[in-house]
Amino acid sequence: MTYTLLIDGPSGAGKTTLANQIGQALGIQVVHLDDFYPGWGGLAEGARMVADDVLDPATPGYWRWNWEQYTRGEWVPLVPGADLVIEGVGAVTEASIGKAKARGDVDTLRVIAAAETRKARALTRDPGYAPWWDMWAEQEKLLPDVPVDVEVRRV
C-alpha cells in the first residue's frame, strides 16, 4: 500500500530539515513545495498543485519553478504509486489529504516554531527572502486551518 506523509507549517519552522531526515530514514522521496511555488505570490497555487499534480494517480509530478528567471521550468515526473514525503507551506489541505487517502495510507504533520526563530532561520537560509517575508506571511494566514495528526515544535 502506498504511503504519503504531508508536512506543513509556516516558513522557517523546520519542515524541510525534518522531511529530509524522515525521507532518508524511510528511504522514500521527498517533494519540496519550494521547488514549484509559482513565485512569491504563489503559495495558494502551490498548495493546489500538491493535490492536482504531485498526487495525480496516473501522471504525478510538478512544474519546477525557475526562481532566477521567474518562470515555470521543466516538468519533474514522479513514479506513480511511490511512497512520498511532501513538505511545504500549504502541503496539508482537504484536497491533498483526500488525494493522498485515495493513494493509500496518509499521515499529516505540522511543524511549528516561534516567529522570531522562524524568520532568523529563513533569512539565514535565503537572505534574498527578506523583502518577501511579510508578503509570504500574509499568504500563510489565508490558508485554511486543517487539523493534522501530529504537531511538532522545533526549537
N, C-alpha and C. Protein backbone atom coordinates (compact mmCIF):
# COMPACT_ATOMS: atom_id res chain seq x y z
N MET A 1 0.83 -1.18 0.00
CA MET A 1 0.00 0.00 0.00
C MET A 1 0.88 1.25 0.00
N THR A 2 0.50 2.24 -0.77
CA THR A 2 1.27 3.48 -0.89
C THR A 2 1.13 4.33 0.37
N TYR A 3 2.24 4.96 0.77
CA TYR A 3 2.26 5.81 1.95
C TYR A 3 2.60 7.24 1.55
N THR A 4 1.86 8.20 2.10
CA THR A 4 2.14 9.62 1.89
C THR A 4 2.19 10.32 3.25
N LEU A 5 3.25 11.07 3.48
CA LEU A 5 3.37 11.91 4.66
C LEU A 5 3.34 13.36 4.19
N LEU A 6 2.35 14.12 4.66
CA LEU A 6 2.21 15.53 4.33
C LEU A 6 2.68 16.35 5.52
N ILE A 7 3.69 17.21 5.31
CA ILE A 7 4.26 18.04 6.37
C ILE A 7 4.04 19.50 6.03
N ASP A 8 3.38 20.21 6.94
CA ASP A 8 3.03 21.62 6.74
C ASP A 8 3.57 22.43 7.91
N GLY A 9 3.45 23.73 7.81
CA GLY A 9 3.85 24.64 8.87
C GLY A 9 4.36 25.92 8.25
N PRO A 10 4.48 26.97 9.04
CA PRO A 10 4.91 28.25 8.50
C PRO A 10 6.38 28.25 8.08
N SER A 11 6.72 29.24 7.30
CA SER A 11 8.08 29.39 6.79
C SER A 11 9.10 29.43 7.93
N GLY A 12 10.19 28.69 7.75
CA GLY A 12 11.27 28.69 8.72
C GLY A 12 11.05 27.81 9.93
N ALA A 13 9.96 27.06 9.97
CA ALA A 13 9.66 26.24 11.16
C ALA A 13 10.55 25.01 11.27
N GLY A 14 11.11 24.55 10.16
CA GLY A 14 11.96 23.36 10.18
C GLY A 14 11.40 22.19 9.39
N LYS A 15 10.43 22.46 8.52
CA LYS A 15 9.77 21.41 7.72
C LYS A 15 10.75 20.68 6.82
N THR A 16 11.57 21.42 6.11
CA THR A 16 12.47 20.82 5.13
C THR A 16 13.48 19.90 5.80
N THR A 17 14.07 20.38 6.88
CA THR A 17 15.05 19.57 7.62
C THR A 17 14.40 18.28 8.11
N LEU A 18 13.24 18.41 8.74
CA LEU A 18 12.55 17.22 9.26
C LEU A 18 12.15 16.27 8.13
N ALA A 19 11.60 16.81 7.05
CA ALA A 19 11.18 15.98 5.91
C ALA A 19 12.37 15.22 5.33
N ASN A 20 13.50 15.89 5.17
CA ASN A 20 14.69 15.22 4.63
C ASN A 20 15.16 14.11 5.56
N GLN A 21 15.10 14.34 6.87
CA GLN A 21 15.51 13.30 7.83
C GLN A 21 14.57 12.10 7.76
N ILE A 22 13.27 12.37 7.68
CA ILE A 22 12.30 11.28 7.60
C ILE A 22 12.44 10.53 6.28
N GLY A 23 12.55 11.27 5.19
CA GLY A 23 12.71 10.63 3.88
C GLY A 23 13.94 9.74 3.82
N GLN A 24 15.04 10.22 4.37
CA GLN A 24 16.27 9.42 4.39
C GLN A 24 16.09 8.18 5.27
N ALA A 25 15.48 8.36 6.44
CA ALA A 25 15.28 7.22 7.35
C ALA A 25 14.37 6.16 6.75
N LEU A 26 13.35 6.59 6.02
CA LEU A 26 12.40 5.64 5.42
C LEU A 26 12.81 5.20 4.01
N GLY A 27 13.79 5.88 3.44
CA GLY A 27 14.22 5.56 2.09
C GLY A 27 13.20 5.92 1.03
N ILE A 28 12.48 7.03 1.24
CA ILE A 28 11.47 7.45 0.26
C ILE A 28 11.71 8.89 -0.19
N GLN A 29 11.21 9.20 -1.36
CA GLN A 29 11.42 10.50 -1.98
C GLN A 29 10.72 11.61 -1.19
N VAL A 30 11.41 12.76 -1.13
CA VAL A 30 10.85 13.96 -0.51
C VAL A 30 10.57 14.98 -1.61
N VAL A 31 9.37 15.52 -1.61
CA VAL A 31 8.97 16.57 -2.56
C VAL A 31 8.84 17.86 -1.77
N HIS A 32 9.51 18.92 -2.23
CA HIS A 32 9.52 20.21 -1.56
C HIS A 32 8.67 21.21 -2.36
N LEU A 33 7.68 21.80 -1.72
CA LEU A 33 6.87 22.80 -2.41
C LEU A 33 7.71 23.98 -2.87
N ASP A 34 8.82 24.28 -2.19
CA ASP A 34 9.71 25.37 -2.62
C ASP A 34 10.19 25.17 -4.05
N ASP A 35 10.19 23.93 -4.52
CA ASP A 35 10.64 23.65 -5.89
C ASP A 35 9.61 24.06 -6.93
N PHE A 36 8.33 24.27 -6.51
CA PHE A 36 7.33 24.57 -7.53
C PHE A 36 6.33 25.68 -7.21
N TYR A 37 6.43 26.34 -6.04
CA TYR A 37 5.58 27.52 -5.86
C TYR A 37 5.82 28.44 -7.05
N PRO A 38 4.76 28.90 -7.70
CA PRO A 38 4.97 29.80 -8.84
C PRO A 38 5.21 31.25 -8.39
N GLY A 39 6.37 31.49 -7.84
CA GLY A 39 6.76 32.83 -7.42
C GLY A 39 6.33 33.17 -6.00
N TRP A 40 6.68 34.37 -5.59
CA TRP A 40 6.43 34.81 -4.22
C TRP A 40 4.95 34.97 -3.91
N GLY A 41 4.13 35.17 -4.92
CA GLY A 41 2.68 35.27 -4.70
C GLY A 41 1.96 33.97 -4.93
N GLY A 42 2.69 32.86 -5.03
CA GLY A 42 2.10 31.60 -5.45
C GLY A 42 1.84 30.56 -4.39
N LEU A 43 1.70 30.96 -3.13
CA LEU A 43 1.50 29.97 -2.08
C LEU A 43 0.22 29.16 -2.31
N ALA A 44 -0.90 29.80 -2.55
CA ALA A 44 -2.17 29.08 -2.74
C ALA A 44 -2.10 28.18 -3.97
N GLU A 45 -1.47 28.66 -5.03
CA GLU A 45 -1.33 27.85 -6.24
C GLU A 45 -0.45 26.63 -5.98
N GLY A 46 0.61 26.81 -5.22
CA GLY A 46 1.47 25.68 -4.86
C GLY A 46 0.71 24.64 -4.06
N ALA A 47 -0.13 25.09 -3.13
CA ALA A 47 -0.95 24.16 -2.34
C ALA A 47 -1.89 23.38 -3.25
N ARG A 48 -2.47 24.05 -4.23
CA ARG A 48 -3.37 23.39 -5.18
C ARG A 48 -2.61 22.34 -6.00
N MET A 49 -1.38 22.66 -6.37
CA MET A 49 -0.58 21.77 -7.20
C MET A 49 -0.26 20.45 -6.49
N VAL A 50 -0.21 20.45 -5.16
CA VAL A 50 0.04 19.21 -4.43
C VAL A 50 -1.04 18.19 -4.77
N ALA A 51 -2.29 18.59 -4.62
CA ALA A 51 -3.40 17.67 -4.89
C ALA A 51 -3.54 17.37 -6.37
N ASP A 52 -3.46 18.39 -7.21
CA ASP A 52 -3.74 18.21 -8.64
C ASP A 52 -2.60 17.59 -9.42
N ASP A 53 -1.36 17.88 -9.07
CA ASP A 53 -0.21 17.43 -9.86
C ASP A 53 0.63 16.37 -9.14
N VAL A 54 1.13 16.71 -7.96
CA VAL A 54 2.04 15.81 -7.24
C VAL A 54 1.34 14.50 -6.89
N LEU A 55 0.07 14.57 -6.50
CA LEU A 55 -0.66 13.37 -6.08
C LEU A 55 -1.57 12.83 -7.18
N ASP A 56 -1.38 13.26 -8.40
CA ASP A 56 -2.16 12.71 -9.51
C ASP A 56 -1.87 11.21 -9.60
N PRO A 57 -2.90 10.37 -9.67
CA PRO A 57 -2.66 8.92 -9.65
C PRO A 57 -1.97 8.37 -10.90
N ALA A 58 -2.18 8.98 -12.04
CA ALA A 58 -1.63 8.43 -13.29
C ALA A 58 -0.31 9.08 -13.71
N THR A 59 -0.24 10.41 -13.60
CA THR A 59 0.96 11.12 -14.06
C THR A 59 1.41 12.14 -13.01
N PRO A 60 1.87 11.65 -11.85
CA PRO A 60 2.28 12.58 -10.80
C PRO A 60 3.57 13.32 -11.15
N GLY A 61 3.66 14.53 -10.67
CA GLY A 61 4.85 15.34 -10.88
C GLY A 61 4.52 16.80 -10.64
N TYR A 62 5.43 17.66 -11.07
CA TYR A 62 5.21 19.10 -10.91
C TYR A 62 6.10 19.86 -11.88
N TRP A 63 5.69 21.10 -12.17
CA TRP A 63 6.50 22.01 -12.97
C TRP A 63 7.42 22.75 -12.01
N ARG A 64 8.70 22.50 -12.14
CA ARG A 64 9.68 23.20 -11.30
C ARG A 64 9.58 24.70 -11.57
N TRP A 65 9.75 25.53 -10.54
CA TRP A 65 9.75 26.97 -10.71
C TRP A 65 11.20 27.45 -10.80
N ASN A 66 11.50 28.22 -11.83
CA ASN A 66 12.83 28.79 -12.01
C ASN A 66 12.85 30.14 -11.31
N TRP A 67 13.42 30.18 -10.11
CA TRP A 67 13.42 31.39 -9.30
C TRP A 67 14.32 32.48 -9.89
N GLU A 68 15.34 32.12 -10.64
CA GLU A 68 16.22 33.12 -11.25
C GLU A 68 15.53 33.82 -12.44
N GLN A 69 14.87 33.04 -13.27
CA GLN A 69 14.17 33.58 -14.44
C GLN A 69 12.74 34.01 -14.11
N TYR A 70 12.26 33.58 -12.97
CA TYR A 70 10.90 33.83 -12.50
C TYR A 70 9.87 33.34 -13.52
N THR A 71 10.10 32.10 -13.96
CA THR A 71 9.21 31.45 -14.92
C THR A 71 9.10 29.97 -14.58
N ARG A 72 8.10 29.35 -15.16
CA ARG A 72 7.94 27.91 -15.00
C ARG A 72 9.09 27.20 -15.71
N GLY A 73 9.65 26.20 -15.04
CA GLY A 73 10.75 25.43 -15.60
C GLY A 73 10.28 24.08 -16.11
N GLU A 74 11.12 23.09 -15.98
CA GLU A 74 10.85 21.77 -16.54
C GLU A 74 9.87 20.97 -15.68
N TRP A 75 9.24 19.99 -16.32
CA TRP A 75 8.34 19.06 -15.65
C TRP A 75 9.20 18.03 -14.93
N VAL A 76 8.89 17.77 -13.66
CA VAL A 76 9.59 16.78 -12.86
C VAL A 76 8.61 15.63 -12.62
N PRO A 77 8.78 14.52 -13.34
CA PRO A 77 7.85 13.40 -13.15
C PRO A 77 8.16 12.64 -11.87
N LEU A 78 7.11 12.11 -11.26
CA LEU A 78 7.24 11.24 -10.09
C LEU A 78 6.73 9.86 -10.46
N VAL A 79 7.16 8.87 -9.74
CA VAL A 79 6.75 7.49 -10.02
C VAL A 79 5.33 7.29 -9.49
N PRO A 80 4.39 6.91 -10.36
CA PRO A 80 3.02 6.67 -9.88
C PRO A 80 3.01 5.61 -8.78
N GLY A 81 2.29 5.90 -7.70
CA GLY A 81 2.16 4.95 -6.61
C GLY A 81 3.33 4.86 -5.67
N ALA A 82 4.37 5.70 -5.87
CA ALA A 82 5.53 5.66 -4.98
C ALA A 82 5.21 6.32 -3.65
N ASP A 83 5.81 5.81 -2.58
CA ASP A 83 5.71 6.45 -1.28
C ASP A 83 6.35 7.84 -1.36
N LEU A 84 5.75 8.82 -0.67
CA LEU A 84 6.26 10.19 -0.73
C LEU A 84 6.17 10.88 0.62
N VAL A 85 7.13 11.76 0.87
CA VAL A 85 7.05 12.77 1.90
C VAL A 85 6.91 14.09 1.13
N ILE A 86 5.85 14.84 1.41
CA ILE A 86 5.61 16.11 0.74
C ILE A 86 5.61 17.20 1.79
N GLU A 87 6.50 18.19 1.64
CA GLU A 87 6.61 19.22 2.67
C GLU A 87 6.56 20.61 2.06
N GLY A 88 5.94 21.50 2.83
CA GLY A 88 5.92 22.90 2.47
C GLY A 88 4.68 23.58 3.03
N VAL A 89 4.72 24.89 3.05
CA VAL A 89 3.55 25.66 3.48
C VAL A 89 2.42 25.35 2.50
N GLY A 90 1.30 24.87 2.99
CA GLY A 90 0.18 24.53 2.13
C GLY A 90 0.13 23.08 1.70
N ALA A 91 1.03 22.25 2.22
CA ALA A 91 1.03 20.83 1.85
C ALA A 91 -0.19 20.10 2.39
N VAL A 92 -0.70 20.53 3.54
CA VAL A 92 -1.86 19.87 4.14
C VAL A 92 -3.11 20.69 3.87
N THR A 93 -3.92 20.19 2.96
CA THR A 93 -5.23 20.78 2.65
C THR A 93 -6.23 19.63 2.61
N GLU A 94 -7.51 19.97 2.63
CA GLU A 94 -8.52 18.92 2.50
C GLU A 94 -8.32 18.17 1.18
N ALA A 95 -8.00 18.91 0.11
CA ALA A 95 -7.80 18.27 -1.20
C ALA A 95 -6.60 17.34 -1.21
N SER A 96 -5.47 17.78 -0.62
CA SER A 96 -4.28 16.92 -0.63
C SER A 96 -4.48 15.69 0.25
N ILE A 97 -5.17 15.86 1.36
CA ILE A 97 -5.45 14.70 2.22
C ILE A 97 -6.34 13.71 1.46
N GLY A 98 -7.35 14.21 0.78
CA GLY A 98 -8.24 13.33 0.01
C GLY A 98 -7.50 12.57 -1.08
N LYS A 99 -6.64 13.27 -1.83
CA LYS A 99 -5.87 12.62 -2.89
C LYS A 99 -4.88 11.61 -2.31
N ALA A 100 -4.25 11.95 -1.18
CA ALA A 100 -3.31 11.03 -0.55
C ALA A 100 -4.04 9.78 -0.04
N LYS A 101 -5.23 9.96 0.53
CA LYS A 101 -6.01 8.80 1.00
C LYS A 101 -6.40 7.90 -0.16
N ALA A 102 -6.68 8.48 -1.32
CA ALA A 102 -7.02 7.68 -2.49
C ALA A 102 -5.83 6.83 -2.94
N ARG A 103 -4.60 7.27 -2.62
CA ARG A 103 -3.38 6.51 -2.96
C ARG A 103 -3.10 5.41 -1.95
N GLY A 104 -3.54 5.61 -0.70
CA GLY A 104 -3.22 4.63 0.35
C GLY A 104 -3.22 5.28 1.72
N ASP A 105 -2.23 4.92 2.52
CA ASP A 105 -2.12 5.45 3.88
C ASP A 105 -1.55 6.86 3.85
N VAL A 106 -2.05 7.70 4.76
CA VAL A 106 -1.58 9.08 4.84
C VAL A 106 -1.48 9.52 6.29
N ASP A 107 -0.43 10.25 6.58
CA ASP A 107 -0.26 10.92 7.87
C ASP A 107 -0.02 12.40 7.58
N THR A 108 -0.46 13.24 8.52
CA THR A 108 -0.25 14.68 8.39
C THR A 108 0.48 15.18 9.63
N LEU A 109 1.35 16.15 9.40
CA LEU A 109 2.18 16.67 10.47
C LEU A 109 2.34 18.17 10.27
N ARG A 110 2.26 18.93 11.34
CA ARG A 110 2.52 20.36 11.30
C ARG A 110 3.74 20.66 12.16
N VAL A 111 4.68 21.42 11.60
CA VAL A 111 5.88 21.83 12.31
C VAL A 111 5.71 23.30 12.68
N ILE A 112 5.95 23.61 13.95
CA ILE A 112 5.81 24.99 14.41
C ILE A 112 7.08 25.42 15.13
N ALA A 113 7.27 26.74 15.22
CA ALA A 113 8.38 27.32 15.97
C ALA A 113 8.02 28.78 16.22
N ALA A 114 8.72 29.39 17.14
CA ALA A 114 8.48 30.80 17.46
C ALA A 114 8.75 31.67 16.22
N ALA A 115 7.99 32.74 16.08
CA ALA A 115 8.09 33.62 14.90
C ALA A 115 9.50 34.16 14.70
N GLU A 116 10.15 34.61 15.77
CA GLU A 116 11.50 35.18 15.62
C GLU A 116 12.51 34.11 15.20
N THR A 117 12.34 32.89 15.69
CA THR A 117 13.21 31.78 15.30
C THR A 117 12.99 31.45 13.83
N ARG A 118 11.74 31.39 13.41
CA ARG A 118 11.42 31.06 12.02
C ARG A 118 12.01 32.09 11.06
N LYS A 119 11.84 33.36 11.37
CA LYS A 119 12.35 34.41 10.49
C LYS A 119 13.87 34.36 10.40
N ALA A 120 14.54 34.18 11.53
CA ALA A 120 16.01 34.10 11.53
C ALA A 120 16.48 32.92 10.69
N ARG A 121 15.83 31.76 10.84
CA ARG A 121 16.21 30.58 10.04
C ARG A 121 16.01 30.84 8.55
N ALA A 122 14.84 31.36 8.21
CA ALA A 122 14.51 31.56 6.80
C ALA A 122 15.46 32.55 6.14
N LEU A 123 15.80 33.63 6.83
CA LEU A 123 16.67 34.65 6.22
C LEU A 123 18.13 34.23 6.23
N THR A 124 18.51 33.34 7.14
CA THR A 124 19.86 32.78 7.10
C THR A 124 19.98 31.84 5.90
N ARG A 125 18.95 31.04 5.69
CA ARG A 125 18.92 30.10 4.56
C ARG A 125 18.91 30.84 3.23
N ASP A 126 18.13 31.93 3.16
CA ASP A 126 17.97 32.67 1.90
C ASP A 126 17.84 34.16 2.20
N PRO A 127 18.95 34.88 2.23
CA PRO A 127 18.89 36.32 2.51
C PRO A 127 18.03 37.10 1.51
N GLY A 128 17.89 36.60 0.29
CA GLY A 128 17.06 37.25 -0.72
C GLY A 128 15.57 37.19 -0.41
N TYR A 129 15.20 36.42 0.60
CA TYR A 129 13.81 36.25 1.02
C TYR A 129 13.32 37.46 1.82
N ALA A 130 14.23 38.23 2.39
CA ALA A 130 13.87 39.33 3.30
C ALA A 130 12.78 40.26 2.75
N PRO A 131 12.87 40.74 1.51
CA PRO A 131 11.84 41.66 1.04
C PRO A 131 10.46 41.00 0.87
N TRP A 132 10.44 39.69 0.86
CA TRP A 132 9.20 38.95 0.62
C TRP A 132 8.60 38.35 1.88
N TRP A 133 9.29 38.43 3.00
CA TRP A 133 8.86 37.78 4.23
C TRP A 133 7.43 38.16 4.62
N ASP A 134 7.14 39.46 4.67
CA ASP A 134 5.81 39.91 5.11
C ASP A 134 4.73 39.47 4.13
N MET A 135 5.00 39.58 2.85
CA MET A 135 4.03 39.16 1.83
C MET A 135 3.71 37.68 1.97
N TRP A 136 4.74 36.86 2.16
CA TRP A 136 4.56 35.42 2.31
C TRP A 136 3.77 35.11 3.57
N ALA A 137 4.11 35.80 4.67
CA ALA A 137 3.41 35.58 5.95
C ALA A 137 1.92 35.90 5.82
N GLU A 138 1.58 36.91 5.05
CA GLU A 138 0.16 37.25 4.82
C GLU A 138 -0.55 36.13 4.07
N GLN A 139 0.13 35.53 3.10
CA GLN A 139 -0.46 34.40 2.37
C GLN A 139 -0.65 33.20 3.29
N GLU A 140 0.30 32.97 4.18
CA GLU A 140 0.18 31.86 5.14
C GLU A 140 -1.08 32.01 5.98
N LYS A 141 -1.41 33.23 6.37
CA LYS A 141 -2.60 33.48 7.19
C LYS A 141 -3.89 33.16 6.44
N LEU A 142 -3.87 33.21 5.12
CA LEU A 142 -5.07 32.98 4.32
C LEU A 142 -5.38 31.50 4.09
N LEU A 143 -4.42 30.63 4.38
CA LEU A 143 -4.65 29.20 4.19
C LEU A 143 -5.62 28.69 5.25
N PRO A 144 -6.52 27.79 4.85
CA PRO A 144 -7.44 27.23 5.85
C PRO A 144 -6.68 26.40 6.88
N ASP A 145 -7.15 26.44 8.10
CA ASP A 145 -6.53 25.66 9.17
C ASP A 145 -7.10 24.25 9.14
N VAL A 146 -6.32 23.31 8.66
CA VAL A 146 -6.75 21.93 8.53
C VAL A 146 -6.13 21.13 9.68
N PRO A 147 -6.93 20.38 10.43
CA PRO A 147 -6.37 19.58 11.53
C PRO A 147 -5.34 18.58 11.01
N VAL A 148 -4.33 18.32 11.82
CA VAL A 148 -3.28 17.36 11.47
C VAL A 148 -3.21 16.26 12.52
N ASP A 149 -2.53 15.17 12.16
CA ASP A 149 -2.38 14.05 13.08
C ASP A 149 -1.41 14.37 14.22
N VAL A 150 -0.31 15.07 13.88
CA VAL A 150 0.75 15.35 14.86
C VAL A 150 1.25 16.79 14.66
N GLU A 151 1.51 17.47 15.78
CA GLU A 151 2.13 18.80 15.72
C GLU A 151 3.47 18.70 16.43
N VAL A 152 4.52 19.20 15.77
CA VAL A 152 5.87 19.13 16.30
C VAL A 152 6.40 20.55 16.47
N ARG A 153 6.91 20.85 17.65
CA ARG A 153 7.52 22.16 17.89
C ARG A 153 9.04 22.02 17.74
N ARG A 154 9.58 22.82 16.82
CA ARG A 154 11.03 22.83 16.60
C ARG A 154 11.62 24.03 17.34
N VAL A 155 12.76 23.86 17.94
CA VAL A 155 13.41 24.95 18.66
C VAL A 155 14.73 25.29 18.01
